Amino acid sequence: MPLALELSGQAAASVAALREKFPALPDVARYLTSRPVRRGFLWDGFDAGIAAALVGDPSTARNHFERVLRDDPLAPWMVEAQEKARELHAIAADRDAVTAWVGRRVASCRKKLGLDPALLAIS
């Protein structure tokens, strides 16, 4: 039990630090899209593309999704990620469509984990 309390305290401190560092979605998008390209880190481009699309920057979003699509899909999960990147690339200019896409994915993950639904505050 003392270890669980210590871990929960560390988690709470981490959440507070992240909320201070990234108070709004544009801050997250700026950070994710400004990171240097790391070969072999497919999720960097994927996450940056989603963040850019959510803040209304479809050109940057598409550039990041194209980076994901250039990776050689060495595993089935990469093929699936590229299919999602293709779908997002096509709707990148429609912020509402991207927001709905993200909402559906978050809801699905939360359901699989047995978590209650959550209202997403994407603005």
PDB file of N, CA and C in Angstrom:
ATOM      1  N   MET A   1       0.814  -1.203   0.000  1.00  0.00           N
ATOM      2  CA  MET A   1       0.000   0.000   0.000  1.00  0.00           C
ATOM      3  C   MET A   1       0.855   1.263   0.000  1.00  0.00           C
ATOM      4  N   PRO A   2       1.945   1.343   0.770  1.00  0.00           N
ATOM      5  CA  PRO A   2       2.764   2.563   0.720  1.00  0.00           C
ATOM      6  C   PRO A   2       3.335   2.813  -0.682  1.00  0.00           C
ATOM      7  N   LEU A   3       3.674   1.735  -1.408  1.00  0.00           N
ATOM      8  CA  LEU A   3       4.193   1.902  -2.759  1.00  0.00           C
ATOM      9  C   LEU A   3       3.105   2.456  -3.679  1.00  0.00           C
ATOM     10  N   ALA A   4       1.878   1.971  -3.543  1.00  0.00           N
ATOM     11  CA  ALA A   4       0.773   2.460  -4.356  1.00  0.00           C
ATOM     12  C   ALA A   4       0.533   3.950  -4.094  1.00  0.00           C
ATOM     13  N   LEU A   5       0.612   4.353  -2.844  1.00  0.00           N
ATOM     14  CA  LEU A   5       0.441   5.772  -2.511  1.00  0.00           C
ATOM     15  C   LEU A   5       1.553   6.612  -3.114  1.00  0.00           C
ATOM     16  N   GLU A   6       2.763   6.097  -3.051  1.00  0.00           N
ATOM     17  CA  GLU A   6       3.903   6.817  -3.626  1.00  0.00           C
ATOM     18  C   GLU A   6       3.736   6.954  -5.138  1.00  0.00           C
ATOM     19  N   LEU A   7       3.343   5.868  -5.798  1.00  0.00           N
ATOM     20  CA  LEU A   7       3.145   5.902  -7.245  1.00  0.00           C
ATOM     21  C   LEU A   7       2.016   6.848  -7.634  1.00  0.00           C
ATOM     22  N   SER A   8       0.922   6.850  -6.876  1.00  0.00           N
ATOM     23  CA  SER A   8      -0.180   7.749  -7.196  1.00  0.00           C
ATOM     24  C   SER A   8       0.239   9.206  -7.002  1.00  0.00           C
ATOM     25  N   GLY A   9       1.057   9.464  -6.007  1.00  0.00           N
ATOM     26  CA  GLY A   9       1.571  10.820  -5.798  1.00  0.00           C
ATOM     27  C   GLY A   9       2.462  11.262  -6.940  1.00  0.00           C
ATOM     28  N   GLN A  10       3.315  10.348  -7.424  1.00  0.00           N
ATOM     29  CA  GLN A  10       4.180  10.663  -8.558  1.00  0.00           C
ATOM     30  C   GLN A  10       3.355  10.922  -9.816  1.00  0.00           C
ATOM     31  N   ALA A  11       2.324  10.100 -10.010  1.00  0.00           N
ATOM     32  CA  ALA A  11       1.456  10.285 -11.180  1.00  0.00           C
ATOM     33  C   ALA A  11       0.755  11.637 -11.128  1.00  0.00           C
ATOM     34  N   ALA A  12       0.239  11.995  -9.972  1.00  0.00           N
ATOM     35  CA  ALA A  12      -0.447  13.282  -9.822  1.00  0.00           C
ATOM     36  C   ALA A  12       0.511  14.440 -10.093  1.00  0.00           C
ATOM     37  N   ALA A  13       1.738  14.322  -9.625  1.00  0.00           N
ATOM     38  CA  ALA A  13       2.731  15.373  -9.862  1.00  0.00           C
ATOM     39  C   ALA A  13       3.064  15.468 -11.352  1.00  0.00           C
ATOM     40  N   SER A  14       3.156  14.329 -12.016  1.00  0.00           N
ATOM     41  CA  SER A  14       3.442  14.327 -13.453  1.00  0.00           C
ATOM     42  C   SER A  14       2.310  14.976 -14.239  1.00  0.00           C
ATOM     43  N   VAL A  15       1.085  14.668 -13.874  1.00  0.00           N
ATOM     44  CA  VAL A  15      -0.073  15.261 -14.544  1.00  0.00           C
ATOM     45  C   VAL A  15      -0.061  16.779 -14.351  1.00  0.00           C
ATOM     46  N   ALA A  16       0.215  17.219 -13.149  1.00  0.00           N
ATOM     47  CA  ALA A  16       0.246  18.663 -12.877  1.00  0.00           C
ATOM     48  C   ALA A  16       1.344  19.346 -13.703  1.00  0.00           C
ATOM     49  N   ALA A  17       2.506  18.713 -13.795  1.00  0.00           N
ATOM     50  CA  ALA A  17       3.610  19.288 -14.569  1.00  0.00           C
ATOM     51  C   ALA A  17       3.265  19.357 -16.055  1.00  0.00           C
ATOM     52  N   LEU A  18       2.629  18.309 -16.583  1.00  0.00           N
ATOM     53  CA  LEU A  18       2.241  18.317 -17.994  1.00  0.00           C
ATOM     54  C   LEU A  18       1.170  19.365 -18.271  1.00  0.00           C
ATOM     55  N   ARG A  19       0.239  19.522 -17.356  1.00  0.00           N
ATOM     56  CA  ARG A  19      -0.810  20.546 -17.548  1.00  0.00           C
ATOM     57  C   ARG A  19      -0.220  21.947 -17.520  1.00  0.00           C
ATOM     58  N   GLU A  20       0.824  22.135 -16.738  1.00  0.00           N
ATOM     59  CA  GLU A  20       1.486  23.442 -16.702  1.00  0.00           C
ATOM     60  C   GLU A  20       2.277  23.677 -17.987  1.00  0.00           C
ATOM     61  N   LYS A  21       2.971  22.645 -18.455  1.00  0.00           N
ATOM     62  CA  LYS A  21       3.790  22.762 -19.664  1.00  0.00           C
ATOM     63  C   LYS A  21       2.930  22.903 -20.917  1.00  0.00           C
ATOM     64  N   PHE A  22       1.774  22.213 -20.923  1.00  0.00           N
ATOM     65  CA  PHE A  22       0.884  22.202 -22.082  1.00  0.00           C
ATOM     66  C   PHE A  22      -0.524  22.592 -21.663  1.00  0.00           C
ATOM     67  N   PRO A  23      -0.762  23.888 -21.414  1.00  0.00           N
ATOM     68  CA  PRO A  23      -2.078  24.309 -20.925  1.00  0.00           C
ATOM     69  C   PRO A  23      -3.207  24.208 -21.950  1.00  0.00           C
ATOM     70  N   ALA A  24      -2.874  24.147 -23.233  1.00  0.00           N
ATOM     71  CA  ALA A  24      -3.921  24.098 -24.264  1.00  0.00           C
ATOM     72  C   ALA A  24      -3.422  23.275 -25.451  1.00  0.00           C
ATOM     73  N   LEU A  25      -4.355  22.816 -26.253  1.00  0.00           N
ATOM     74  CA  LEU A  25      -4.038  21.977 -27.406  1.00  0.00           C
ATOM     75  C   LEU A  25      -3.014  22.617 -28.354  1.00  0.00           C
ATOM     76  N   PRO A  26      -3.085  23.914 -28.648  1.00  0.00           N
ATOM     77  CA  PRO A  26      -2.056  24.498 -29.514  1.00  0.00           C
ATOM     78  C   PRO A  26      -0.639  24.334 -28.949  1.00  0.00           C
ATOM     79  N   ASP A  27      -0.499  24.343 -27.630  1.00  0.00           N
ATOM     80  CA  ASP A  27       0.818  24.131 -27.024  1.00  0.00           C
ATOM     81  C   ASP A  27       1.308  22.714 -27.303  1.00  0.00           C
ATOM     82  N   VAL A  28       0.409  21.753 -27.209  1.00  0.00           N
ATOM     83  CA  VAL A  28       0.745  20.359 -27.499  1.00  0.00           C
ATOM     84  C   VAL A  28       1.132  20.224 -28.968  1.00  0.00           C
ATOM     85  N   ALA A  29       0.328  20.800 -29.837  1.00  0.00           N
ATOM     86  CA  ALA A  29       0.596  20.705 -31.274  1.00  0.00           C
ATOM     87  C   ALA A  29       1.942  21.334 -31.624  1.00  0.00           C
ATOM     88  N   ARG A  30       2.242  22.495 -31.056  1.00  0.00           N
ATOM     89  CA  ARG A  30       3.531  23.149 -31.319  1.00  0.00           C
ATOM     90  C   ARG A  30       4.685  22.248 -30.917  1.00  0.00           C
ATOM     91  N   TYR A  31       4.563  21.641 -29.744  1.00  0.00           N
ATOM     92  CA  TYR A  31       5.626  20.754 -29.265  1.00  0.00           C
ATOM     93  C   TYR A  31       5.778  19.536 -30.182  1.00  0.00           C
ATOM     94  N   LEU A  32       4.668  18.863 -30.471  1.00  0.00           N
ATOM     95  CA  LEU A  32       4.735  17.626 -31.254  1.00  0.00           C
ATOM     96  C   LEU A  32       5.225  17.875 -32.683  1.00  0.00           C
ATOM     97  N   THR A  33       4.804  18.975 -33.291  1.00  0.00           N
ATOM     98  CA  THR A  33       5.197  19.236 -34.679  1.00  0.00           C
ATOM     99  C   THR A  33       6.602  19.820 -34.796  1.00  0.00           C
ATOM    100  N   SER A  34       7.170  20.277 -33.700  1.00  0.00           N
ATOM    101  CA  SER A  34       8.512  20.874 -33.763  1.00  0.00           C
ATOM    102  C   SER A  34       9.625  19.877 -33.432  1.00  0.00           C
ATOM    103  N   ARG A  35       9.249  18.690 -32.987  1.00  0.00           N
ATOM    104  CA  ARG A  35      10.292  17.710 -32.656  1.00  0.00           C
ATOM    105  C   ARG A  35      11.020  17.270 -33.914  1.00  0.00           C
ATOM    106  N   PRO A  36      12.328  16.992 -33.783  1.00  0.00           N
ATOM    107  CA  PRO A  36      13.061  16.492 -34.950  1.00  0.00           C
ATOM    108  C   PRO A  36      12.548  15.113 -35.357  1.00  0.00           C
ATOM    109  N   VAL A  37      12.620  14.847 -36.653  1.00  0.00           N
ATOM    110  CA  VAL A  37      12.194  13.553 -37.177  1.00  0.00           C
ATOM    111  C   VAL A  37      13.157  12.476 -36.676  1.00  0.00           C
ATOM    112  N   ARG A  38      12.578  11.432 -36.109  1.00  0.00           N
ATOM    113  CA  ARG A  38      13.384  10.291 -35.639  1.00  0.00           C
ATOM    114  C   ARG A  38      12.986   9.076 -36.469  1.00  0.00           C
ATOM    115  N   ARG A  39      13.902   8.632 -37.276  1.00  0.00           N
ATOM    116  CA  ARG A  39      13.631   7.478 -38.136  1.00  0.00           C
ATOM    117  C   ARG A  39      13.243   6.283 -37.281  1.00  0.00           C
ATOM    118  N   GLY A  40      12.166   5.620 -37.672  1.00  0.00           N
ATOM    119  CA  GLY A  40      11.722   4.447 -36.940  1.00  0.00           C
ATOM    120  C   GLY A  40      10.730   4.753 -35.822  1.00  0.00           C
ATOM    121  N   PHE A  41      10.369   6.013 -35.659  1.00  0.00           N
ATOM    122  CA  PHE A  41       9.419   6.408 -34.614  1.00  0.00           C
ATOM    123  C   PHE A  41       8.123   6.853 -35.285  1.00  0.00           C
ATOM    124  N   LEU A  42       7.401   5.884 -35.836  1.00  0.00           N
ATOM    125  CA  LEU A  42       6.181   6.133 -36.586  1.00  0.00           C
ATOM    126  C   LEU A  42       5.185   6.963 -35.796  1.00  0.00           C
ATOM    127  N   TRP A  43       5.046   6.675 -34.508  1.00  0.00           N
ATOM    128  CA  TRP A  43       4.024   7.371 -33.714  1.00  0.00           C
ATOM    129  C   TRP A  43       4.316   8.858 -33.550  1.00  0.00           C
ATOM    130  N   ASP A  44       5.583   9.272 -33.668  1.00  0.00           N
ATOM    131  CA  ASP A  44       5.890  10.713 -33.596  1.00  0.00           C
ATOM    132  C   ASP A  44       5.130  11.465 -34.689  1.00  0.00           C
ATOM    133  N   GLY A  45       5.227  10.980 -35.915  1.00  0.00           N
ATOM    134  CA  GLY A  45       4.549  11.628 -37.031  1.00  0.00           C
ATOM    135  C   GLY A  45       3.040  11.513 -36.936  1.00  0.00           C
ATOM    136  N   PHE A  46       2.573  10.366 -36.485  1.00  0.00           N
ATOM    137  CA  PHE A  46       1.146  10.126 -36.348  1.00  0.00           C
ATOM    138  C   PHE A  46       0.548  11.107 -35.340  1.00  0.00           C
ATOM    139  N   ASP A  47       1.147  11.187 -34.157  1.00  0.00           N
ATOM    140  CA  ASP A  47       0.647  12.082 -33.105  1.00  0.00           C
ATOM    141  C   ASP A  47       0.728  13.550 -33.532  1.00  0.00           C
ATOM    142  N   ALA A  48       1.844  13.920 -34.169  1.00  0.00           N
ATOM    143  CA  ALA A  48       2.003  15.300 -34.620  1.00  0.00           C
ATOM    144  C   ALA A  48       0.950  15.647 -35.672  1.00  0.00           C
ATOM    145  N   GLY A  49       0.662  14.704 -36.569  1.00  0.00           N
ATOM    146  CA  GLY A  49      -0.346  14.939 -37.593  1.00  0.00           C
ATOM    147  C   GLY A  49      -1.726  15.158 -37.000  1.00  0.00           C
ATOM    148  N   ILE A  50      -2.078  14.332 -36.038  1.00  0.00           N
ATOM    149  CA  ILE A  50      -3.387  14.495 -35.388  1.00  0.00           C
ATOM    150  C   ILE A  50      -3.460  15.840 -34.670  1.00  0.00           C
ATOM    151  N   ALA A  51      -2.419  16.161 -33.918  1.00  0.00           N
ATOM    152  CA  ALA A  51      -2.427  17.429 -33.179  1.00  0.00           C
ATOM    153  C   ALA A  51      -2.555  18.621 -34.128  1.00  0.00           C
ATOM    154  N   ALA A  52      -1.803  18.586 -35.234  1.00  0.00           N
ATOM    155  CA  ALA A  52      -1.869  19.689 -36.198  1.00  0.00           C
ATOM    156  C   ALA A  52      -3.267  19.799 -36.806  1.00  0.00           C
ATOM    157  N   ALA A  53      -3.869  18.666 -37.144  1.00  0.00           N
ATOM    158  CA  ALA A  53      -5.219  18.696 -37.717  1.00  0.00           C
ATOM    159  C   ALA A  53      -6.228  19.241 -36.710  1.00  0.00           C
ATOM    160  N   LEU A  54      -6.070  18.874 -35.451  1.00  0.00           N
ATOM    161  CA  LEU A  54      -7.012  19.324 -34.420  1.00  0.00           C
ATOM    162  C   LEU A  54      -6.949  20.826 -34.167  1.00  0.00           C
ATOM    163  N   VAL A  55      -5.794  21.433 -34.438  1.00  0.00           N
ATOM    164  CA  VAL A  55      -5.699  22.887 -34.241  1.00  0.00           C
ATOM    165  C   VAL A  55      -5.900  23.650 -35.546  1.00  0.00           C
ATOM    166  N   GLY A  56      -6.321  22.935 -36.601  1.00  0.00           N
ATOM    167  CA  GLY A  56      -6.639  23.614 -37.847  1.00  0.00           C
ATOM    168  C   GLY A  56      -5.463  23.913 -38.744  1.00  0.00           C
ATOM    169  N   ASP A  57      -4.437  23.056 -38.739  1.00  0.00           N
ATOM    170  CA  ASP A  57      -3.279  23.225 -39.611  1.00  0.00           C
ATOM    171  C   ASP A  57      -3.153  21.987 -40.508  1.00  0.00           C
ATOM    172  N   PRO A  58      -4.026  21.881 -41.533  1.00  0.00           N
ATOM    173  CA  PRO A  58      -4.045  20.668 -42.346  1.00  0.00           C
ATOM    174  C   PRO A  58      -2.768  20.427 -43.148  1.00  0.00           C
ATOM    175  N   SER A  59      -2.089  21.476 -43.554  1.00  0.00           N
ATOM    176  CA  SER A  59      -0.857  21.305 -44.327  1.00  0.00           C
ATOM    177  C   SER A  59       0.207  20.592 -43.486  1.00  0.00           C
ATOM    178  N   THR A  60       0.405  21.059 -42.264  1.00  0.00           N
ATOM    179  CA  THR A  60       1.360  20.416 -41.365  1.00  0.00           C
ATOM    180  C   THR A  60       0.903  19.003 -41.032  1.00  0.00           C
ATOM    181  N   ALA A  61      -0.393  18.839 -40.810  1.00  0.00           N
ATOM    182  CA  ALA A  61      -0.934  17.513 -40.506  1.00  0.00           C
ATOM    183  C   ALA A  61      -0.615  16.547 -41.636  1.00  0.00           C
ATOM    184  N   ARG A  62      -0.906  16.951 -42.863  1.00  0.00           N
ATOM    185  CA  ARG A  62      -0.660  16.074 -44.010  1.00  0.00           C
ATOM    186  C   ARG A  62       0.817  15.739 -44.159  1.00  0.00           C
ATOM    187  N   ASN A  63       1.692  16.718 -43.913  1.00  0.00           N
ATOM    188  CA  ASN A  63       3.135  16.439 -43.991  1.00  0.00           C
ATOM    189  C   ASN A  63       3.530  15.343 -43.006  1.00  0.00           C
ATOM    190  N   HIS A  64       2.996  15.396 -41.807  1.00  0.00           N
ATOM    191  CA  HIS A  64       3.324  14.380 -40.806  1.00  0.00           C
ATOM    192  C   HIS A  64       2.709  13.032 -41.162  1.00  0.00           C
ATOM    193  N   PHE A  65       1.491  13.022 -41.667  1.00  0.00           N
ATOM    194  CA  PHE A  65       0.881  11.753 -42.075  1.00  0.00           C
ATOM    195  C   PHE A  65       1.648  11.144 -43.255  1.00  0.00           C
ATOM    196  N   GLU A  66       2.125  11.979 -44.163  1.00  0.00           N
ATOM    197  CA  GLU A  66       2.918  11.481 -45.292  1.00  0.00           C
ATOM    198  C   GLU A  66       4.210  10.846 -44.805  1.00  0.00           C
ATOM    199  N   ARG A  67       4.777  11.397 -43.764  1.00  0.00           N
ATOM    200  CA  ARG A  67       5.983  10.806 -43.161  1.00  0.00           C
ATOM    201  C   ARG A  67       5.678   9.400 -42.650  1.00  0.00           C
ATOM    202  N   VAL A  68       4.511   9.244 -42.005  1.00  0.00           N
ATOM    203  CA  VAL A  68       4.094   7.929 -41.513  1.00  0.00           C
ATOM    204  C   VAL A  68       3.937   6.966 -42.693  1.00  0.00           C
ATOM    205  N   LEU A  69       3.364   7.439 -43.772  1.00  0.00           N
ATOM    206  CA  LEU A  69       3.103   6.591 -44.928  1.00  0.00           C
ATOM    207  C   LEU A  69       4.377   6.193 -45.660  1.00  0.00           C
ATOM    208  N   ARG A  70       5.457   6.954 -45.496  1.00  0.00           N
ATOM    209  CA  ARG A  70       6.730   6.605 -46.135  1.00  0.00           C
ATOM    210  C   ARG A  70       7.473   5.502 -45.395  1.00  0.00           C
ATOM    211  N   ASP A  71       7.128   5.257 -44.132  1.00  0.00           N
ATOM    212  CA  ASP A  71       7.790   4.184 -43.376  1.00  0.00           C
ATOM    213  C   ASP A  71       7.499   2.837 -44.012  1.00  0.00           C
ATOM    214  N   ASP A  72       8.477   1.962 -43.968  1.00  0.00           N
ATOM    215  CA  ASP A  72       8.291   0.603 -44.459  1.00  0.00           C
ATOM    216  C   ASP A  72       7.513  -0.181 -43.403  1.00  0.00           C
ATOM    217  N   PRO A  73       6.293  -0.642 -43.718  1.00  0.00           N
ATOM    218  CA  PRO A  73       5.484  -1.339 -42.713  1.00  0.00           C
ATOM    219  C   PRO A  73       6.027  -2.747 -42.441  1.00  0.00           C
ATOM    220  N   LEU A  74       6.804  -2.870 -41.398  1.00  0.00           N
ATOM    221  CA  LEU A  74       7.477  -4.127 -41.079  1.00  0.00           C
ATOM    222  C   LEU A  74       6.635  -5.070 -40.224  1.00  0.00           C
ATOM    223  N   ALA A  75       5.523  -4.594 -39.730  1.00  0.00           N
ATOM    224  CA  ALA A  75       4.678  -5.402 -38.847  1.00  0.00           C
ATOM    225  C   ALA A  75       3.213  -5.058 -39.114  1.00  0.00           C
ATOM    226  N   PRO A  76       2.318  -5.985 -38.798  1.00  0.00           N
ATOM    227  CA  PRO A  76       0.882  -5.720 -39.025  1.00  0.00           C
ATOM    228  C   PRO A  76       0.380  -4.444 -38.348  1.00  0.00           C
ATOM    229  N   TRP A  77       0.885  -4.120 -37.166  1.00  0.00           N
ATOM    230  CA  TRP A  77       0.424  -2.915 -36.483  1.00  0.00           C
ATOM    231  C   TRP A  77       0.797  -1.662 -37.264  1.00  0.00           C
ATOM    232  N   MET A  78       1.925  -1.741 -38.012  1.00  0.00           N
ATOM    233  CA  MET A  78       2.344  -0.595 -38.822  1.00  0.00           C
ATOM    234  C   MET A  78       1.422  -0.423 -40.028  1.00  0.00           C
ATOM    235  N   VAL A  79       0.989  -1.531 -40.618  1.00  0.00           N
ATOM    236  CA  VAL A  79       0.037  -1.472 -41.727  1.00  0.00           C
ATOM    237  C   VAL A  79      -1.254  -0.813 -41.249  1.00  0.00           C
ATOM    238  N   GLU A  80      -1.717  -1.208 -40.073  1.00  0.00           N
ATOM    239  CA  GLU A  80      -2.936  -0.625 -39.503  1.00  0.00           C
ATOM    240  C   GLU A  80      -2.755   0.866 -39.214  1.00  0.00           C
ATOM    241  N   ALA A  81      -1.609   1.237 -38.669  1.00  0.00           N
ATOM    242  CA  ALA A  81      -1.333   2.651 -38.386  1.00  0.00           C
ATOM    243  C   ALA A  81      -1.304   3.460 -39.681  1.00  0.00           C
ATOM    244  N   GLN A  82      -0.740   2.889 -40.725  1.00  0.00           N
ATOM    245  CA  GLN A  82      -0.699   3.606 -42.002  1.00  0.00           C
ATOM    246  C   GLN A  82      -2.089   3.738 -42.618  1.00  0.00           C
ATOM    247  N   GLU A  83      -2.937   2.743 -42.435  1.00  0.00           N
ATOM    248  CA  GLU A  83      -4.319   2.864 -42.906  1.00  0.00           C
ATOM    249  C   GLU A  83      -5.023   4.019 -42.205  1.00  0.00           C
ATOM    250  N   LYS A  84      -4.789   4.136 -40.893  1.00  0.00           N
ATOM    251  CA  LYS A  84      -5.387   5.242 -40.144  1.00  0.00           C
ATOM    252  C   LYS A  84      -4.793   6.577 -40.591  1.00  0.00           C
ATOM    253  N   ALA A  85      -3.487   6.601 -40.852  1.00  0.00           N
ATOM    254  CA  ALA A  85      -2.835   7.831 -41.317  1.00  0.00           C
ATOM    255  C   ALA A  85      -3.401   8.251 -42.675  1.00  0.00           C
ATOM    256  N   ARG A  86      -3.670   7.278 -43.555  1.00  0.00           N
ATOM    257  CA  ARG A  86      -4.276   7.572 -44.860  1.00  0.00           C
ATOM    258  C   ARG A  86      -5.663   8.201 -44.679  1.00  0.00           C
ATOM    259  N   GLU A  87      -6.428   7.608 -43.769  1.00  0.00           N
ATOM    260  CA  GLU A  87      -7.775   8.123 -43.485  1.00  0.00           C
ATOM    261  C   GLU A  87      -7.699   9.552 -42.942  1.00  0.00           C
ATOM    262  N   LEU A  88      -6.783   9.781 -42.008  1.00  0.00           N
ATOM    263  CA  LEU A  88      -6.635  11.115 -41.423  1.00  0.00           C
ATOM    264  C   LEU A  88      -6.100  12.124 -42.433  1.00  0.00           C
ATOM    265  N   HIS A  89      -5.197  11.694 -43.301  1.00  0.00           N
ATOM    266  CA  HIS A  89      -4.653  12.562 -44.347  1.00  0.00           C
ATOM    267  C   HIS A  89      -5.800  13.093 -45.207  1.00  0.00           C
ATOM    268  N   ALA A  90      -6.747  12.201 -45.518  1.00  0.00           N
ATOM    269  CA  ALA A  90      -7.873  12.578 -46.381  1.00  0.00           C
ATOM    270  C   ALA A  90      -8.817  13.578 -45.718  1.00  0.00           C
ATOM    271  N   ILE A  91      -8.915  13.564 -44.397  1.00  0.00           N
ATOM    272  CA  ILE A  91      -9.862  14.460 -43.707  1.00  0.00           C
ATOM    273  C   ILE A  91      -9.166  15.581 -42.942  1.00  0.00           C
ATOM    274  N   ALA A  92      -7.859  15.724 -43.119  1.00  0.00           N
ATOM    275  CA  ALA A  92      -7.073  16.681 -42.323  1.00  0.00           C
ATOM    276  C   ALA A  92      -7.606  18.109 -42.367  1.00  0.00           C
ATOM    277  N   ALA A  93      -8.218  18.505 -43.476  1.00  0.00           N
ATOM    278  CA  ALA A  93      -8.723  19.882 -43.588  1.00  0.00           C
ATOM    279  C   ALA A  93     -10.070  20.078 -42.895  1.00  0.00           C
ATOM    280  N   ASP A  94     -10.684  18.992 -42.467  1.00  0.00           N
ATOM    281  CA  ASP A  94     -11.994  19.063 -41.814  1.00  0.00           C
ATOM    282  C   ASP A  94     -11.800  18.815 -40.311  1.00  0.00           C
ATOM    283  N   ARG A  95     -11.583  19.904 -39.593  1.00  0.00           N
ATOM    284  CA  ARG A  95     -11.290  19.797 -38.157  1.00  0.00           C
ATOM    285  C   ARG A  95     -12.373  19.047 -37.390  1.00  0.00           C
ATOM    286  N   ASP A  96     -13.627  19.266 -37.752  1.00  0.00           N
ATOM    287  CA  ASP A  96     -14.726  18.569 -37.081  1.00  0.00           C
ATOM    288  C   ASP A  96     -14.653  17.060 -37.323  1.00  0.00           C
ATOM    289  N   ALA A  97     -14.302  16.670 -38.545  1.00  0.00           N
ATOM    290  CA  ALA A  97     -14.187  15.240 -38.858  1.00  0.00           C
ATOM    291  C   ALA A  97     -13.031  14.606 -38.085  1.00  0.00           C
ATOM    292  N   VAL A  98     -11.923  15.323 -37.978  1.00  0.00           N
ATOM    293  CA  VAL A  98     -10.776  14.798 -37.220  1.00  0.00           C
ATOM    294  C   VAL A  98     -11.139  14.704 -35.740  1.00  0.00           C
ATOM    295  N   THR A  99     -11.819  15.705 -35.224  1.00  0.00           N
ATOM    296  CA  THR A  99     -12.247  15.684 -33.821  1.00  0.00           C
ATOM    297  C   THR A  99     -13.166  14.498 -33.562  1.00  0.00           C
ATOM    298  N   ALA A 100     -14.091  14.243 -34.472  1.00  0.00           N
ATOM    299  CA  ALA A 100     -15.001  13.093 -34.326  1.00  0.00           C
ATOM    300  C   ALA A 100     -14.218  11.785 -34.390  1.00  0.00           C
ATOM    301  N   TRP A 101     -13.241  11.701 -35.300  1.00  0.00           N
ATOM    302  CA  TRP A 101     -12.398  10.507 -35.439  1.00  0.00           C
ATOM    303  C   TRP A 101     -11.677  10.232 -34.116  1.00  0.00           C
ATOM    304  N   VAL A 102     -11.068  11.272 -33.559  1.00  0.00           N
ATOM    305  CA  VAL A 102     -10.348  11.127 -32.283  1.00  0.00           C
ATOM    306  C   VAL A 102     -11.317  10.706 -31.182  1.00  0.00           C
ATOM    307  N   GLY A 103     -12.476  11.337 -31.140  1.00  0.00           N
ATOM    308  CA  GLY A 103     -13.471  11.002 -30.118  1.00  0.00           C
ATOM    309  C   GLY A 103     -13.876   9.539 -30.175  1.00  0.00           C
ATOM    310  N   ARG A 104     -14.083   9.022 -31.390  1.00  0.00           N
ATOM    311  CA  ARG A 104     -14.451   7.601 -31.535  1.00  0.00           C
ATOM    312  C   ARG A 104     -13.322   6.690 -31.056  1.00  0.00           C
ATOM    313  N   ARG A 105     -12.088   7.038 -31.365  1.00  0.00           N
ATOM    314  CA  ARG A 105     -10.944   6.199 -30.952  1.00  0.00           C
ATOM    315  C   ARG A 105     -10.768   6.228 -29.435  1.00  0.00           C
ATOM    316  N   VAL A 106     -10.909   7.390 -28.839  1.00  0.00           N
ATOM    317  CA  VAL A 106     -10.778   7.502 -27.377  1.00  0.00           C
ATOM    318  C   VAL A 106     -11.894   6.708 -26.703  1.00  0.00           C
ATOM    319  N   ALA A 107     -13.116   6.850 -27.193  1.00  0.00           N
ATOM    320  CA  ALA A 107     -14.249   6.117 -26.610  1.00  0.00           C
ATOM    321  C   ALA A 107     -14.035   4.611 -26.711  1.00  0.00           C
ATOM    322  N   SER A 108     -13.539   4.151 -27.844  1.00  0.00           N
ATOM    323  CA  SER A 108     -13.281   2.724 -28.038  1.00  0.00           C
ATOM    324  C   SER A 108     -12.224   2.211 -27.062  1.00  0.00           C
ATOM    325  N   CYS A 109     -11.150   2.958 -26.921  1.00  0.00           N
ATOM    326  CA  CYS A 109     -10.077   2.554 -25.990  1.00  0.00           C
ATOM    327  C   CYS A 109     -10.578   2.528 -24.547  1.00  0.00           C
ATOM    328  N   ARG A 110     -11.319   3.552 -24.172  1.00  0.00           N
ATOM    329  CA  ARG A 110     -11.841   3.601 -22.805  1.00  0.00           C
ATOM    330  C   ARG A 110     -12.778   2.425 -22.540  1.00  0.00           C
ATOM    331  N   LYS A 111     -13.600   2.072 -23.517  1.00  0.00           N
ATOM    332  CA  LYS A 111     -14.518   0.945 -23.360  1.00  0.00           C
ATOM    333  C   LYS A 111     -13.739  -0.362 -23.187  1.00  0.00           C
ATOM    334  N   LYS A 112     -12.716  -0.562 -24.012  1.00  0.00           N
ATOM    335  CA  LYS A 112     -11.884  -1.778 -23.929  1.00  0.00           C
ATOM    336  C   LYS A 112     -11.191  -1.890 -22.575  1.00  0.00           C
ATOM    337  N   LEU A 113     -10.858  -0.749 -21.987  1.00  0.00           N
ATOM    338  CA  LEU A 113     -10.187  -0.731 -20.687  1.00  0.00           C
ATOM    339  C   LEU A 113     -11.162  -0.758 -19.519  1.00  0.00           C
ATOM    340  N   GLY A 114     -12.459  -0.761 -19.820  1.00  0.00           N
ATOM    341  CA  GLY A 114     -13.464  -0.782 -18.773  1.00  0.00           C
ATOM    342  C   GLY A 114     -13.633   0.541 -18.061  1.00  0.00           C
ATOM    343  N   LEU A 115     -13.279   1.634 -18.730  1.00  0.00           N
ATOM    344  CA  LEU A 115     -13.399   2.971 -18.152  1.00  0.00           C
ATOM    345  C   LEU A 115     -14.708   3.614 -18.584  1.00  0.00           C
ATOM    346  N   ASP A 116     -15.204   4.494 -17.762  1.00  0.00           N
ATOM    347  CA  ASP A 116     -16.403   5.246 -18.106  1.00  0.00           C
ATOM    348  C   ASP A 116     -16.114   6.157 -19.297  1.00  0.00           C
ATOM    349  N   PRO A 117     -17.132   6.478 -20.070  1.00  0.00           N
ATOM    350  CA  PRO A 117     -16.942   7.441 -21.158  1.00  0.00           C
ATOM    351  C   PRO A 117     -16.479   8.784 -20.603  1.00  0.00           C
ATOM    352  N   ALA A 118     -15.746   9.509 -21.412  1.00  0.00           N
ATOM    353  CA  ALA A 118     -15.256  10.821 -20.994  1.00  0.00           C
ATOM    354  C   ALA A 118     -15.592  11.858 -22.054  1.00  0.00           C
ATOM    355  N   LEU A 119     -15.950  13.034 -21.634  1.00  0.00           N
ATOM    356  CA  LEU A 119     -16.202  14.140 -22.536  1.00  0.00           C
ATOM    357  C   LEU A 119     -14.868  14.749 -22.915  1.00  0.00           C
ATOM    358  N   LEU A 120     -14.574  14.775 -24.218  1.00  0.00           N
ATOM    359  CA  LEU A 120     -13.310  15.352 -24.676  1.00  0.00           C
ATOM    360  C   LEU A 120     -13.478  16.856 -24.861  1.00  0.00           C
ATOM    361  N   ALA A 121     -12.546  17.602 -24.340  1.00  0.00           N
ATOM    362  CA  ALA A 121     -12.570  19.055 -24.485  1.00  0.00           C
ATOM    363  C   ALA A 121     -11.497  19.440 -25.494  1.00  0.00           C
ATOM    364  N   ILE A 122     -11.824  19.280 -26.779  1.00  0.00           N
ATOM    365  CA  ILE A 122     -10.882  19.627 -27.830  1.00  0.00           C
ATOM    366  C   ILE A 122     -11.318  20.965 -28.391  1.00  0.00           C
ATOM    367  N   SER A 123     -10.435  21.951 -28.186  1.00  0.00           N
ATOM    368  CA  SER A 123     -10.768  23.287 -28.718  1.00  0.00           C
ATOM    369  C   SER A 123      -9.538  23.971 -29.202  1.00  0.00           C
TER     370      SER A 123
END
